[in-house]
Structures are given as C-alpha cells and as structure tokens.
Amino acid sequence: MKCSICKTNLPKGTGKMLIKNDGRIFYFCNSKCQKNFDLGRTEKKIKWVKKAKATT
C-alpha cells in the first residue's frame, strides 16, 4: 500500500484507511496527510511532498 497523498510505502498494519461512499479507498501514513486530504489538497499543490519526491 502507498499513502494517497505523499506516496510513501506503508508497512502492513500501520496507517489509516478511508473508504468513501462511492467505494474509493484512500490510505494515509499520518494525520498530516489525512488533514491535507480533508482540506481538498492534492499532492501536486503541497510543497513538502514535492520536496520529498525531489530528494528521493
């Protein structure tokens, strides 16, 4: 599994899973990613996700 916002790998048994009414499933590694998702932000608009992807 990967986090739906920052795309980091989640070890088995960790993180949170959100299931929408239409059947879409979202995974989050921490509350920071979940709060950004709740605010309607995408990984393209978040600066810290861009920096993390650039360094890896």
C-alpha atoms as a PDB file:
ATOM      1  CA  MET A   1       0.000   0.000   0.000  1.00  0.00           C
ATOM      2  CA  LYS A   2       1.028   3.586  -0.559  1.00  0.00           C
ATOM      3  CA  CYS A   3      -0.139   6.795   1.080  1.00  0.00           C
ATOM      4  CA  SER A   4      -2.684   8.559  -1.138  1.00  0.00           C
ATOM      5  CA  ILE A   5      -1.038  11.963  -0.603  1.00  0.00           C
ATOM      6  CA  CYS A   6       2.741  11.559  -0.282  1.00  0.00           C
ATOM      7  CA  LYS A   7       3.043   8.128  -1.972  1.00  0.00           C
ATOM      8  CA  THR A   8       5.295   6.619   0.719  1.00  0.00           C
ATOM      9  CA  ASN A   9       5.103   2.868   1.327  1.00  0.00           C
ATOM     10  CA  LEU A  10       3.074   1.838   4.358  1.00  0.00           C
ATOM     11  CA  PRO A  11       4.190  -1.183   6.374  1.00  0.00           C
ATOM     12  CA  LYS A  12       1.471  -3.755   6.915  1.00  0.00           C
ATOM     13  CA  GLY A  13      -0.770  -2.915   9.862  1.00  0.00           C
ATOM     14  CA  THR A  14       0.040   0.808  10.001  1.00  0.00           C
ATOM     15  CA  GLY A  15      -1.660   3.986   8.790  1.00  0.00           C
ATOM     16  CA  LYS A  16      -5.318   4.780   8.246  1.00  0.00           C
ATOM     17  CA  MET A  17      -7.769   3.704   5.588  1.00  0.00           C
ATOM     18  CA  LEU A  18     -10.681   5.894   4.457  1.00  0.00           C
ATOM     19  CA  ILE A  19     -13.479   4.386   2.381  1.00  0.00           C
ATOM     20  CA  LYS A  20     -15.825   6.816   0.631  1.00  0.00           C
ATOM     21  CA  ASN A  21     -19.488   6.053  -0.059  1.00  0.00           C
ATOM     22  CA  ASP A  22     -18.758   5.536  -3.756  1.00  0.00           C
ATOM     23  CA  GLY A  23     -16.265   2.747  -2.973  1.00  0.00           C
ATOM     24  CA  ARG A  24     -12.981   4.636  -3.398  1.00  0.00           C
ATOM     25  CA  ILE A  25     -10.298   3.700  -0.857  1.00  0.00           C
ATOM     26  CA  PHE A  26      -7.660   6.142   0.419  1.00  0.00           C
ATOM     27  CA  TYR A  27      -4.670   5.309   2.630  1.00  0.00           C
ATOM     28  CA  PHE A  28      -2.823   7.777   4.865  1.00  0.00           C
ATOM     29  CA  CYS A  29       0.531   7.355   6.599  1.00  0.00           C
ATOM     30  CA  ASN A  30      -0.112  10.047   9.245  1.00  0.00           C
ATOM     31  CA  SER A  31      -2.586  12.711  10.322  1.00  0.00           C
ATOM     32  CA  LYS A  32      -0.737  15.393   8.328  1.00  0.00           C
ATOM     33  CA  CYS A  33      -1.586  13.625   5.077  1.00  0.00           C
ATOM     34  CA  GLN A  34      -5.175  12.975   6.163  1.00  0.00           C
ATOM     35  CA  LYS A  35      -5.786  16.615   7.130  1.00  0.00           C
ATOM     36  CA  ASN A  36      -4.420  17.848   3.802  1.00  0.00           C
ATOM     37  CA  PHE A  37      -6.745  15.424   2.006  1.00  0.00           C
ATOM     38  CA  ASP A  38      -9.715  16.636   4.076  1.00  0.00           C
ATOM     39  CA  LEU A  39      -8.897  20.218   3.052  1.00  0.00           C
ATOM     40  CA  GLY A  40      -9.111  19.197  -0.606  1.00  0.00           C
ATOM     41  CA  ARG A  41      -5.412  19.489  -1.376  1.00  0.00           C
ATOM     42  CA  THR A  42      -3.628  17.231  -3.851  1.00  0.00           C
ATOM     43  CA  GLU A  43      -0.019  16.081  -3.917  1.00  0.00           C
ATOM     44  CA  LYS A  44       0.653  18.477  -6.797  1.00  0.00           C
ATOM     45  CA  LYS A  45      -0.169  21.507  -4.635  1.00  0.00           C
ATOM     46  CA  ILE A  46       1.697  20.573  -1.437  1.00  0.00           C
ATOM     47  CA  LYS A  47       5.268  21.885  -1.178  1.00  0.00           C
ATOM     48  CA  TRP A  48       6.615  19.322   1.296  1.00  0.00           C
ATOM     49  CA  VAL A  49       5.501  16.438  -0.946  1.00  0.00           C
ATOM     50  CA  LYS A  50       7.306  17.999  -3.936  1.00  0.00           C
ATOM     51  CA  LYS A  51      10.499  18.371  -1.873  1.00  0.00           C
ATOM     52  CA  ALA A  52      10.320  14.777  -0.624  1.00  0.00           C
ATOM     53  CA  LYS A  53       9.898  13.452  -4.169  1.00  0.00           C
ATOM     54  CA  ALA A  54      12.764  15.601  -5.468  1.00  0.00           C
ATOM     55  CA  THR A  55      15.226  14.310  -2.867  1.00  0.00           C
ATOM     56  CA  THR A  56      14.441  10.611  -3.440  1.00  0.00           C
END
